[in-house]
PDB file of all heavy atoms in Angstrom:
ATOM      1  N   GLU A   1       4.389   1.789  13.101  1.00  0.00           N
ATOM      2  CA  GLU A   1       4.027   1.802  11.629  1.00  0.00           C
ATOM      3  C   GLU A   1       2.488   1.619  11.467  1.00  0.00           C
ATOM      4  O   GLU A   1       1.905   2.212  10.638  1.00  0.00           O
ATOM      5  CB  GLU A   1       4.847   0.745  10.915  1.00  0.00           C
ATOM      6  CG  GLU A   1       4.457   0.699   9.436  1.00  0.00           C
ATOM      7  CD  GLU A   1       5.114  -0.394   8.608  1.00  0.00           C
ATOM      8  OE1 GLU A   1       5.857  -1.187   9.223  1.00  0.00           O
ATOM      9  OE2 GLU A   1       4.786  -0.508   7.419  1.00  0.00           O
ATOM     10  N   ARG A   2       1.957   0.687  12.219  1.00  0.00           N
ATOM     11  CA  ARG A   2       0.565   0.440  12.146  1.00  0.00           C
ATOM     12  C   ARG A   2      -0.269   1.657  12.471  1.00  0.00           C
ATOM     13  O   ARG A   2      -1.199   1.996  11.794  1.00  0.00           O
ATOM     14  CB  ARG A   2       0.143  -0.726  13.124  1.00  0.00           C
ATOM     15  CG  ARG A   2      -1.274  -1.169  13.006  1.00  0.00           C
ATOM     16  CD  ARG A   2      -1.554  -2.426  13.768  1.00  0.00           C
ATOM     17  NE  ARG A   2      -1.447  -2.254  15.161  1.00  0.00           N
ATOM     18  CZ  ARG A   2      -0.976  -3.178  16.012  1.00  0.00           C
ATOM     19  NH1 ARG A   2      -0.519  -4.357  15.537  1.00  0.00           N
ATOM     20  NH2 ARG A   2      -0.896  -2.957  17.338  1.00  0.00           N
ATOM     21  N   ARG A   3       0.064   2.349  13.605  1.00  0.00           N
ATOM     22  CA  ARG A   3      -0.665   3.482  14.021  1.00  0.00           C
ATOM     23  C   ARG A   3      -0.501   4.616  12.933  1.00  0.00           C
ATOM     24  O   ARG A   3      -1.460   5.346  12.580  1.00  0.00           O
ATOM     25  CB  ARG A   3      -0.205   3.960  15.413  1.00  0.00           C
ATOM     26  CG  ARG A   3      -0.990   5.262  15.815  1.00  0.00           C
ATOM     27  CD  ARG A   3      -0.869   5.355  17.317  1.00  0.00           C
ATOM     28  NE  ARG A   3      -1.715   4.382  17.932  1.00  0.00           N
ATOM     29  CZ  ARG A   3      -2.867   4.669  18.546  1.00  0.00           C
ATOM     30  NH1 ARG A   3      -3.354   5.923  18.563  1.00  0.00           N
ATOM     31  NH2 ARG A   3      -3.586   3.747  19.147  1.00  0.00           N
ATOM     32  N   ALA A   4       0.713   4.795  12.447  1.00  0.00           N
ATOM     33  CA  ALA A   4       0.950   5.836  11.465  1.00  0.00           C
ATOM     34  C   ALA A   4       0.181   5.557  10.209  1.00  0.00           C
ATOM     35  O   ALA A   4      -0.483   6.543   9.593  1.00  0.00           O
ATOM     36  CB  ALA A   4       2.440   5.930  11.195  1.00  0.00           C
ATOM     37  N   ARG A   5       0.203   4.365   9.685  1.00  0.00           N
ATOM     38  CA  ARG A   5      -0.590   4.085   8.488  1.00  0.00           C
ATOM     39  C   ARG A   5      -2.068   4.200   8.684  1.00  0.00           C
ATOM     40  O   ARG A   5      -2.791   4.621   7.744  1.00  0.00           O
ATOM     41  CB  ARG A   5      -0.256   2.612   7.960  1.00  0.00           C
ATOM     42  CG  ARG A   5       1.101   2.591   7.289  1.00  0.00           C
ATOM     43  CD  ARG A   5       1.475   1.147   6.883  1.00  0.00           C
ATOM     44  NE  ARG A   5       0.517   0.422   6.020  1.00  0.00           N
ATOM     45  CZ  ARG A   5       0.678  -0.717   5.579  1.00  0.00           C
ATOM     46  NH1 ARG A   5       1.850  -1.377   5.845  1.00  0.00           N
ATOM     47  NH2 ARG A   5      -0.238  -1.331   4.803  1.00  0.00           N
ATOM     48  N   ALA A   6      -2.566   3.827   9.832  1.00  0.00           N
ATOM     49  CA  ALA A   6      -3.979   3.979  10.108  1.00  0.00           C
ATOM     50  C   ALA A   6      -4.371   5.436  10.197  1.00  0.00           C
ATOM     51  O   ALA A   6      -5.410   5.888   9.608  1.00  0.00           O
ATOM     52  CB  ALA A   6      -4.336   3.277  11.435  1.00  0.00           C
ATOM     53  N   ALA A   7      -3.571   6.290  10.787  1.00  0.00           N
ATOM     54  CA  ALA A   7      -3.774   7.662  10.896  1.00  0.00           C
ATOM     55  C   ALA A   7      -3.737   8.312   9.500  1.00  0.00           C
ATOM     56  O   ALA A   7      -4.594   9.235   9.202  1.00  0.00           O
ATOM     57  CB  ALA A   7      -2.801   8.352  11.846  1.00  0.00           C
ATOM     58  N   GLU A   8      -2.835   7.871   8.685  1.00  0.00           N
ATOM     59  CA  GLU A   8      -2.711   8.443   7.308  1.00  0.00           C
ATOM     60  C   GLU A   8      -3.974   8.106   6.510  1.00  0.00           C
ATOM     61  O   GLU A   8      -4.448   8.935   5.751  1.00  0.00           O
ATOM     62  CB  GLU A   8      -1.484   7.847   6.588  1.00  0.00           C
ATOM     63  CG  GLU A   8      -1.318   8.317   5.190  1.00  0.00           C
ATOM     64  CD  GLU A   8      -0.189   7.615   4.479  1.00  0.00           C
ATOM     65  OE1 GLU A   8       0.253   6.544   4.967  1.00  0.00           O
ATOM     66  OE2 GLU A   8       0.168   7.990   3.411  1.00  0.00           O
ATOM     67  N   ALA A   9      -4.440   6.854   6.631  1.00  0.00           N
ATOM     68  CA  ALA A   9      -5.624   6.425   5.883  1.00  0.00           C
ATOM     69  C   ALA A   9      -6.832   7.274   6.348  1.00  0.00           C
ATOM     70  O   ALA A   9      -7.664   7.675   5.483  1.00  0.00           O
ATOM     71  CB  ALA A   9      -5.858   4.967   6.108  1.00  0.00           C
ATOM     72  N   LEU A  10      -6.989   7.490   7.621  1.00  0.00           N
ATOM     73  CA  LEU A  10      -8.142   8.310   8.084  1.00  0.00           C
ATOM     74  C   LEU A  10      -8.017   9.757   7.511  1.00  0.00           C
ATOM     75  O   LEU A  10      -9.020  10.413   7.258  1.00  0.00           O
ATOM     76  CB  LEU A  10      -8.206   8.299   9.599  1.00  0.00           C
ATOM     77  CG  LEU A  10      -8.795   6.986  10.191  1.00  0.00           C
ATOM     78  CD1 LEU A  10      -8.741   7.077  11.703  1.00  0.00           C
ATOM     79  CD2 LEU A  10     -10.227   6.790   9.761  1.00  0.00           C
ATOM     80  N   ALA A  11      -6.818  10.226   7.489  1.00  0.00           N
ATOM     81  CA  ALA A  11      -6.597  11.628   6.967  1.00  0.00           C
ATOM     82  C   ALA A  11      -6.961  11.694   5.511  1.00  0.00           C
ATOM     83  O   ALA A  11      -7.589  12.641   5.038  1.00  0.00           O
ATOM     84  CB  ALA A  11      -5.124  12.043   7.152  1.00  0.00           C
ATOM     85  N   ARG A  12      -6.715  10.664   4.785  1.00  0.00           N
ATOM     86  CA  ARG A  12      -7.025  10.624   3.338  1.00  0.00           C
ATOM     87  C   ARG A  12      -8.527  10.675   3.158  1.00  0.00           C
ATOM     88  O   ARG A  12      -8.992  11.234   2.144  1.00  0.00           O
ATOM     89  CB  ARG A  12      -6.470   9.388   2.741  1.00  0.00           C
ATOM     90  CG  ARG A  12      -4.931   9.450   2.442  1.00  0.00           C
ATOM     91  CD  ARG A  12      -4.438   8.088   1.902  1.00  0.00           C
ATOM     92  NE  ARG A  12      -3.105   8.189   1.297  1.00  0.00           N
ATOM     93  CZ  ARG A  12      -2.463   7.240   0.757  1.00  0.00           C
ATOM     94  NH1 ARG A  12      -3.042   5.948   0.787  1.00  0.00           N
ATOM     95  NH2 ARG A  12      -1.247   7.355   0.277  1.00  0.00           N
ATOM     96  N   VAL A  13      -9.295  10.090   4.011  1.00  0.00           N
ATOM     97  CA  VAL A  13     -10.764  10.127   3.849  1.00  0.00           C
ATOM     98  C   VAL A  13     -11.411  11.211   4.612  1.00  0.00           C
ATOM     99  O   VAL A  13     -12.632  11.307   4.714  1.00  0.00           O
ATOM    100  CB  VAL A  13     -11.375   8.716   4.243  1.00  0.00           C
ATOM    101  CG1 VAL A  13     -10.800   7.616   3.436  1.00  0.00           C
ATOM    102  CG2 VAL A  13     -11.220   8.472   5.796  1.00  0.00           C
ATOM    103  N   GLY A  14     -10.562  12.146   5.196  1.00  0.00           N
ATOM    104  CA  GLY A  14     -11.137  13.264   5.915  1.00  0.00           C
ATOM    105  C   GLY A  14     -11.673  13.048   7.251  1.00  0.00           C
ATOM    106  O   GLY A  14     -12.518  13.853   7.746  1.00  0.00           O
ATOM    107  N   LEU A  15     -11.202  12.063   7.937  1.00  0.00           N
ATOM    108  CA  LEU A  15     -11.769  11.714   9.260  1.00  0.00           C
ATOM    109  C   LEU A  15     -10.818  11.855  10.472  1.00  0.00           C
ATOM    110  O   LEU A  15     -11.043  11.422  11.569  1.00  0.00           O
ATOM    111  CB  LEU A  15     -12.353  10.286   9.276  1.00  0.00           C
ATOM    112  CG  LEU A  15     -13.544  10.060   8.351  1.00  0.00           C
ATOM    113  CD1 LEU A  15     -14.020   8.581   8.512  1.00  0.00           C
ATOM    114  CD2 LEU A  15     -14.685  10.963   8.713  1.00  0.00           C
ATOM    115  N   SER A  16      -9.684  12.520  10.234  1.00  0.00           N
ATOM    116  CA  SER A  16      -8.748  12.643  11.350  1.00  0.00           C
ATOM    117  C   SER A  16      -9.307  13.333  12.579  1.00  0.00           C
ATOM    118  O   SER A  16      -9.027  12.898  13.713  1.00  0.00           O
ATOM    119  CB  SER A  16      -7.520  13.532  10.862  1.00  0.00           C
ATOM    120  OG  SER A  16      -6.763  12.878   9.911  1.00  0.00           O
ATOM    121  N   PRO A  17     -10.253  14.327  12.448  1.00  0.00           N
ATOM    122  CA  PRO A  17     -10.700  14.915  13.706  1.00  0.00           C
ATOM    123  C   PRO A  17     -11.613  14.049  14.528  1.00  0.00           C
ATOM    124  O   PRO A  17     -11.803  14.305  15.740  1.00  0.00           O
ATOM    125  CB  PRO A  17     -11.589  16.097  13.153  1.00  0.00           C
ATOM    126  CG  PRO A  17     -11.057  16.409  11.807  1.00  0.00           C
ATOM    127  CD  PRO A  17     -10.604  15.028  11.217  1.00  0.00           C
ATOM    128  N   ILE A  18     -12.065  12.923  13.966  1.00  0.00           N
ATOM    129  CA  ILE A  18     -12.934  12.061  14.767  1.00  0.00           C
ATOM    130  C   ILE A  18     -12.292  10.653  14.915  1.00  0.00           C
ATOM    131  O   ILE A  18     -12.975   9.642  15.152  1.00  0.00           O
ATOM    132  CB  ILE A  18     -14.387  11.909  14.191  1.00  0.00           C
ATOM    133  CG1 ILE A  18     -14.272  11.382  12.769  1.00  0.00           C
ATOM    134  CG2 ILE A  18     -15.098  13.228  14.260  1.00  0.00           C
ATOM    135  CD1 ILE A  18     -15.711  11.118  12.128  1.00  0.00           C
ATOM    136  N   ALA A  19     -10.981  10.531  14.733  1.00  0.00           N
ATOM    137  CA  ALA A  19     -10.286   9.289  14.834  1.00  0.00           C
ATOM    138  C   ALA A  19     -10.523   8.524  16.128  1.00  0.00           C
ATOM    139  O   ALA A  19     -10.607   7.278  16.200  1.00  0.00           O
ATOM    140  CB  ALA A  19      -8.815   9.444  14.616  1.00  0.00           C
ATOM    141  N   SER A  20     -10.688   9.266  17.186  1.00  0.00           N
ATOM    142  CA  SER A  20     -10.891   8.616  18.542  1.00  0.00           C
ATOM    143  C   SER A  20     -12.289   8.331  18.896  1.00  0.00           C
ATOM    144  O   SER A  20     -12.570   7.678  19.928  1.00  0.00           O
ATOM    145  CB  SER A  20     -10.241   9.487  19.591  1.00  0.00           C
ATOM    146  OG  SER A  20     -10.965  10.731  19.698  1.00  0.00           O
ATOM    147  N   ARG A  21     -13.267   8.687  18.104  1.00  0.00           N
ATOM    148  CA  ARG A  21     -14.641   8.436  18.375  1.00  0.00           C
ATOM    149  C   ARG A  21     -15.051   6.997  18.129  1.00  0.00           C
ATOM    150  O   ARG A  21     -14.488   6.341  17.155  1.00  0.00           O
ATOM    151  CB  ARG A  21     -15.565   9.393  17.619  1.00  0.00           C
ATOM    152  CG  ARG A  21     -15.434  10.854  17.960  1.00  0.00           C
ATOM    153  CD  ARG A  21     -16.463  11.650  17.265  1.00  0.00           C
ATOM    154  NE  ARG A  21     -17.844  11.211  17.582  1.00  0.00           N
ATOM    155  CZ  ARG A  21     -18.898  11.638  16.926  1.00  0.00           C
ATOM    156  NH1 ARG A  21     -18.783  12.498  15.915  1.00  0.00           N
ATOM    157  NH2 ARG A  21     -20.132  11.180  17.230  1.00  0.00           N
ATOM    158  N   PRO A  22     -15.944   6.412  18.841  1.00  0.00           N
ATOM    159  CA  PRO A  22     -16.396   5.020  18.541  1.00  0.00           C
ATOM    160  C   PRO A  22     -16.968   4.980  17.138  1.00  0.00           C
ATOM    161  O   PRO A  22     -17.842   5.788  16.795  1.00  0.00           O
ATOM    162  CB  PRO A  22     -17.485   4.818  19.608  1.00  0.00           C
ATOM    163  CG  PRO A  22     -17.170   5.752  20.688  1.00  0.00           C
ATOM    164  CD  PRO A  22     -16.637   6.993  20.071  1.00  0.00           C
ATOM    165  N   ALA A  23     -16.526   4.029  16.358  1.00  0.00           N
ATOM    166  CA  ALA A  23     -16.909   3.932  14.955  1.00  0.00           C
ATOM    167  C   ALA A  23     -18.379   3.747  14.808  1.00  0.00           C
ATOM    168  O   ALA A  23     -18.970   4.198  13.851  1.00  0.00           O
ATOM    169  CB  ALA A  23     -16.208   2.802  14.267  1.00  0.00           C
ATOM    170  N   ARG A  24     -19.064   3.047  15.711  1.00  0.00           N
ATOM    171  CA  ARG A  24     -20.433   2.637  15.560  1.00  0.00           C
ATOM    172  C   ARG A  24     -21.389   3.737  15.867  1.00  0.00           C
ATOM    173  O   ARG A  24     -22.634   3.616  15.604  1.00  0.00           O
ATOM    174  CB  ARG A  24     -20.737   1.395  16.416  1.00  0.00           C
ATOM    175  CG  ARG A  24     -20.085   0.142  15.869  1.00  0.00           C
ATOM    176  CD  ARG A  24     -20.626  -1.075  16.547  1.00  0.00           C
ATOM    177  NE  ARG A  24     -20.120  -2.300  16.080  1.00  0.00           N
ATOM    178  CZ  ARG A  24     -20.436  -3.480  16.429  1.00  0.00           C
ATOM    179  NH1 ARG A  24     -21.349  -3.701  17.355  1.00  0.00           N
ATOM    180  NH2 ARG A  24     -19.901  -4.563  15.897  1.00  0.00           N
ATOM    181  N   VAL A  25     -20.969   4.898  16.394  1.00  0.00           N
ATOM    182  CA  VAL A  25     -21.819   6.022  16.666  1.00  0.00           C
ATOM    183  C   VAL A  25     -21.649   7.067  15.579  1.00  0.00           C
ATOM    184  O   VAL A  25     -22.365   8.126  15.583  1.00  0.00           O
ATOM    185  CB  VAL A  25     -21.586   6.660  18.029  1.00  0.00           C
ATOM    186  CG1 VAL A  25     -21.656   5.584  19.149  1.00  0.00           C
ATOM    187  CG2 VAL A  25     -20.190   7.341  18.032  1.00  0.00           C
ATOM    188  N   LEU A  26     -20.834   6.786  14.573  1.00  0.00           N
ATOM    189  CA  LEU A  26     -20.669   7.816  13.498  1.00  0.00           C
ATOM    190  C   LEU A  26     -21.816   7.732  12.522  1.00  0.00           C
ATOM    191  O   LEU A  26     -22.586   6.795  12.539  1.00  0.00           O
ATOM    192  CB  LEU A  26     -19.349   7.492  12.752  1.00  0.00           C
ATOM    193  CG  LEU A  26     -18.069   7.529  13.587  1.00  0.00           C
ATOM    194  CD1 LEU A  26     -16.875   7.128  12.706  1.00  0.00           C
ATOM    195  CD2 LEU A  26     -17.855   8.894  14.245  1.00  0.00           C
ATOM    196  N   SER A  27     -21.977   8.752  11.742  1.00  0.00           N
ATOM    197  CA  SER A  27     -23.001   8.795  10.713  1.00  0.00           C
ATOM    198  C   SER A  27     -22.763   7.710   9.671  1.00  0.00           C
ATOM    199  O   SER A  27     -21.668   7.148   9.634  1.00  0.00           O
ATOM    200  CB  SER A  27     -23.083  10.136  10.025  1.00  0.00           C
ATOM    201  OG  SER A  27     -21.977  10.351   9.245  1.00  0.00           O
ATOM    202  N   GLY A  28     -23.801   7.426   8.842  1.00  0.00           N
ATOM    203  CA  GLY A  28     -23.654   6.385   7.828  1.00  0.00           C
ATOM    204  C   GLY A  28     -22.497   6.725   6.885  1.00  0.00           C
ATOM    205  O   GLY A  28     -21.655   5.890   6.538  1.00  0.00           O
ATOM    206  N   GLY A  29     -22.397   8.007   6.458  1.00  0.00           N
ATOM    207  CA  GLY A  29     -21.375   8.373   5.498  1.00  0.00           C
ATOM    208  C   GLY A  29     -19.966   8.258   6.209  1.00  0.00           C
ATOM    209  O   GLY A  29     -19.007   7.880   5.563  1.00  0.00           O
ATOM    210  N   GLU A  30     -19.856   8.699   7.444  1.00  0.00           N
ATOM    211  CA  GLU A  30     -18.580   8.519   8.133  1.00  0.00           C
ATOM    212  C   GLU A  30     -18.182   7.089   8.337  1.00  0.00           C
ATOM    213  O   GLU A  30     -17.012   6.710   8.183  1.00  0.00           O
ATOM    214  CB  GLU A  30     -18.743   9.250   9.516  1.00  0.00           C
ATOM    215  CG  GLU A  30     -18.732  10.768   9.372  1.00  0.00           C
ATOM    216  CD  GLU A  30     -19.142  11.424  10.689  1.00  0.00           C
ATOM    217  OE1 GLU A  30     -19.775  10.723  11.537  1.00  0.00           O
ATOM    218  OE2 GLU A  30     -18.858  12.668  10.796  1.00  0.00           O
ATOM    219  N   GLN A  31     -19.152   6.198   8.643  1.00  0.00           N
ATOM    220  CA  GLN A  31     -18.799   4.791   8.754  1.00  0.00           C
ATOM    221  C   GLN A  31     -18.338   4.235   7.472  1.00  0.00           C
ATOM    222  O   GLN A  31     -17.410   3.446   7.467  1.00  0.00           O
ATOM    223  CB  GLN A  31     -20.120   4.021   9.228  1.00  0.00           C
ATOM    224  CG  GLN A  31     -20.460   4.284  10.704  1.00  0.00           C
ATOM    225  CD  GLN A  31     -21.514   3.389  11.192  1.00  0.00           C
ATOM    226  OE1 GLN A  31     -21.813   2.349  10.554  1.00  0.00           O
ATOM    227  NE2 GLN A  31     -22.116   3.666  12.271  1.00  0.00           N
ATOM    228  N   GLN A  32     -18.943   4.660   6.338  1.00  0.00           N
ATOM    229  CA  GLN A  32     -18.487   4.120   5.068  1.00  0.00           C
ATOM    230  C   GLN A  32     -17.070   4.599   4.767  1.00  0.00           C
ATOM    231  O   GLN A  32     -16.242   3.824   4.255  1.00  0.00           O
ATOM    232  CB  GLN A  32     -19.401   4.564   3.952  1.00  0.00           C
ATOM    233  CG  GLN A  32     -19.187   3.897   2.619  1.00  0.00           C
ATOM    234  CD  GLN A  32     -19.496   2.413   2.641  1.00  0.00           C
ATOM    235  OE1 GLN A  32     -18.723   1.618   3.222  1.00  0.00           O
ATOM    236  NE2 GLN A  32     -20.536   2.044   2.010  1.00  0.00           N
ATOM    237  N   ARG A  33     -16.749   5.814   5.115  1.00  0.00           N
ATOM    238  CA  ARG A  33     -15.401   6.289   4.966  1.00  0.00           C
ATOM    239  C   ARG A  33     -14.399   5.610   5.894  1.00  0.00           C
ATOM    240  O   ARG A  33     -13.186   5.435   5.545  1.00  0.00           O
ATOM    241  CB  ARG A  33     -15.339   7.817   5.200  1.00  0.00           C
ATOM    242  CG  ARG A  33     -15.823   8.559   3.887  1.00  0.00           C
ATOM    243  CD  ARG A  33     -15.515  10.008   4.003  1.00  0.00           C
ATOM    244  NE  ARG A  33     -16.434  10.735   4.887  1.00  0.00           N
ATOM    245  CZ  ARG A  33     -16.263  11.871   5.496  1.00  0.00           C
ATOM    246  NH1 ARG A  33     -15.071  12.518   5.368  1.00  0.00           N
ATOM    247  NH2 ARG A  33     -17.224  12.426   6.217  1.00  0.00           N
ATOM    248  N   VAL A  34     -14.781   5.241   7.104  1.00  0.00           N
ATOM    249  CA  VAL A  34     -13.921   4.428   7.910  1.00  0.00           C
ATOM    250  C   VAL A  34     -13.633   3.089   7.278  1.00  0.00           C
ATOM    251  O   VAL A  34     -12.489   2.606   7.253  1.00  0.00           O
ATOM    252  CB  VAL A  34     -14.519   4.158   9.328  1.00  0.00           C
ATOM    253  CG1 VAL A  34     -13.757   3.109  10.131  1.00  0.00           C
ATOM    254  CG2 VAL A  34     -14.645   5.488  10.103  1.00  0.00           C
ATOM    255  N   ALA A  35     -14.690   2.473   6.680  1.00  0.00           N
ATOM    256  CA  ALA A  35     -14.450   1.227   5.983  1.00  0.00           C
ATOM    257  C   ALA A  35     -13.577   1.371   4.779  1.00  0.00           C
ATOM    258  O   ALA A  35     -12.716   0.528   4.523  1.00  0.00           O
ATOM    259  CB  ALA A  35     -15.868   0.643   5.527  1.00  0.00           C
ATOM    260  N   LEU A  36     -13.702   2.485   4.047  1.00  0.00           N
ATOM    261  CA  LEU A  36     -12.768   2.777   2.965  1.00  0.00           C
ATOM    262  C   LEU A  36     -11.394   2.983   3.406  1.00  0.00           C
ATOM    263  O   LEU A  36     -10.436   2.530   2.841  1.00  0.00           O
ATOM    264  CB  LEU A  36     -13.277   3.983   2.157  1.00  0.00           C
ATOM    265  CG  LEU A  36     -14.538   3.734   1.345  1.00  0.00           C
ATOM    266  CD1 LEU A  36     -15.139   5.126   0.829  1.00  0.00           C
ATOM    267  CD2 LEU A  36     -14.191   2.947   0.098  1.00  0.00           C
ATOM    268  N   ALA A  37     -11.238   3.722   4.563  1.00  0.00           N
ATOM    269  CA  ALA A  37      -9.877   3.980   5.117  1.00  0.00           C
ATOM    270  C   ALA A  37      -9.272   2.626   5.551  1.00  0.00           C
ATOM    271  O   ALA A  37      -8.070   2.377   5.311  1.00  0.00           O
ATOM    272  CB  ALA A  37      -9.950   4.865   6.273  1.00  0.00           C
ATOM    273  N   ARG A  38     -10.057   1.713   6.134  1.00  0.00           N
ATOM    274  CA  ARG A  38      -9.556   0.456   6.585  1.00  0.00           C
ATOM    275  C   ARG A  38      -9.074  -0.365   5.392  1.00  0.00           C
ATOM    276  O   ARG A  38      -8.026  -0.994   5.441  1.00  0.00           O
ATOM    277  CB  ARG A  38     -10.682  -0.281   7.339  1.00  0.00           C
ATOM    278  CG  ARG A  38     -10.242  -1.617   7.907  1.00  0.00           C
ATOM    279  CD  ARG A  38     -11.331  -2.063   8.902  1.00  0.00           C
ATOM    280  NE  ARG A  38     -12.574  -2.274   8.162  1.00  0.00           N
ATOM    281  CZ  ARG A  38     -13.777  -2.589   8.782  1.00  0.00           C
ATOM    282  NH1 ARG A  38     -13.764  -2.715  10.131  1.00  0.00           N
ATOM    283  NH2 ARG A  38     -14.898  -2.746   8.074  1.00  0.00           N
ATOM    284  N   ALA A  39      -9.818  -0.355   4.295  1.00  0.00           N
ATOM    285  CA  ALA A  39      -9.316  -1.016   3.140  1.00  0.00           C
ATOM    286  C   ALA A  39      -8.141  -0.390   2.472  1.00  0.00           C
ATOM    287  O   ALA A  39      -7.099  -1.068   2.150  1.00  0.00           O
ATOM    288  CB  ALA A  39     -10.473  -1.080   2.078  1.00  0.00           C
TER     289      ALA A  39
END
């Protein structure tokens, strides 16, 4: 359930293609969307 909900949240913010990438190497906008997905 945890993995499914996390994947769904990343899909909602348009980041499914980079779900496996290290978060800290993403662009500023992508990092902000990860933070929004996490919330």
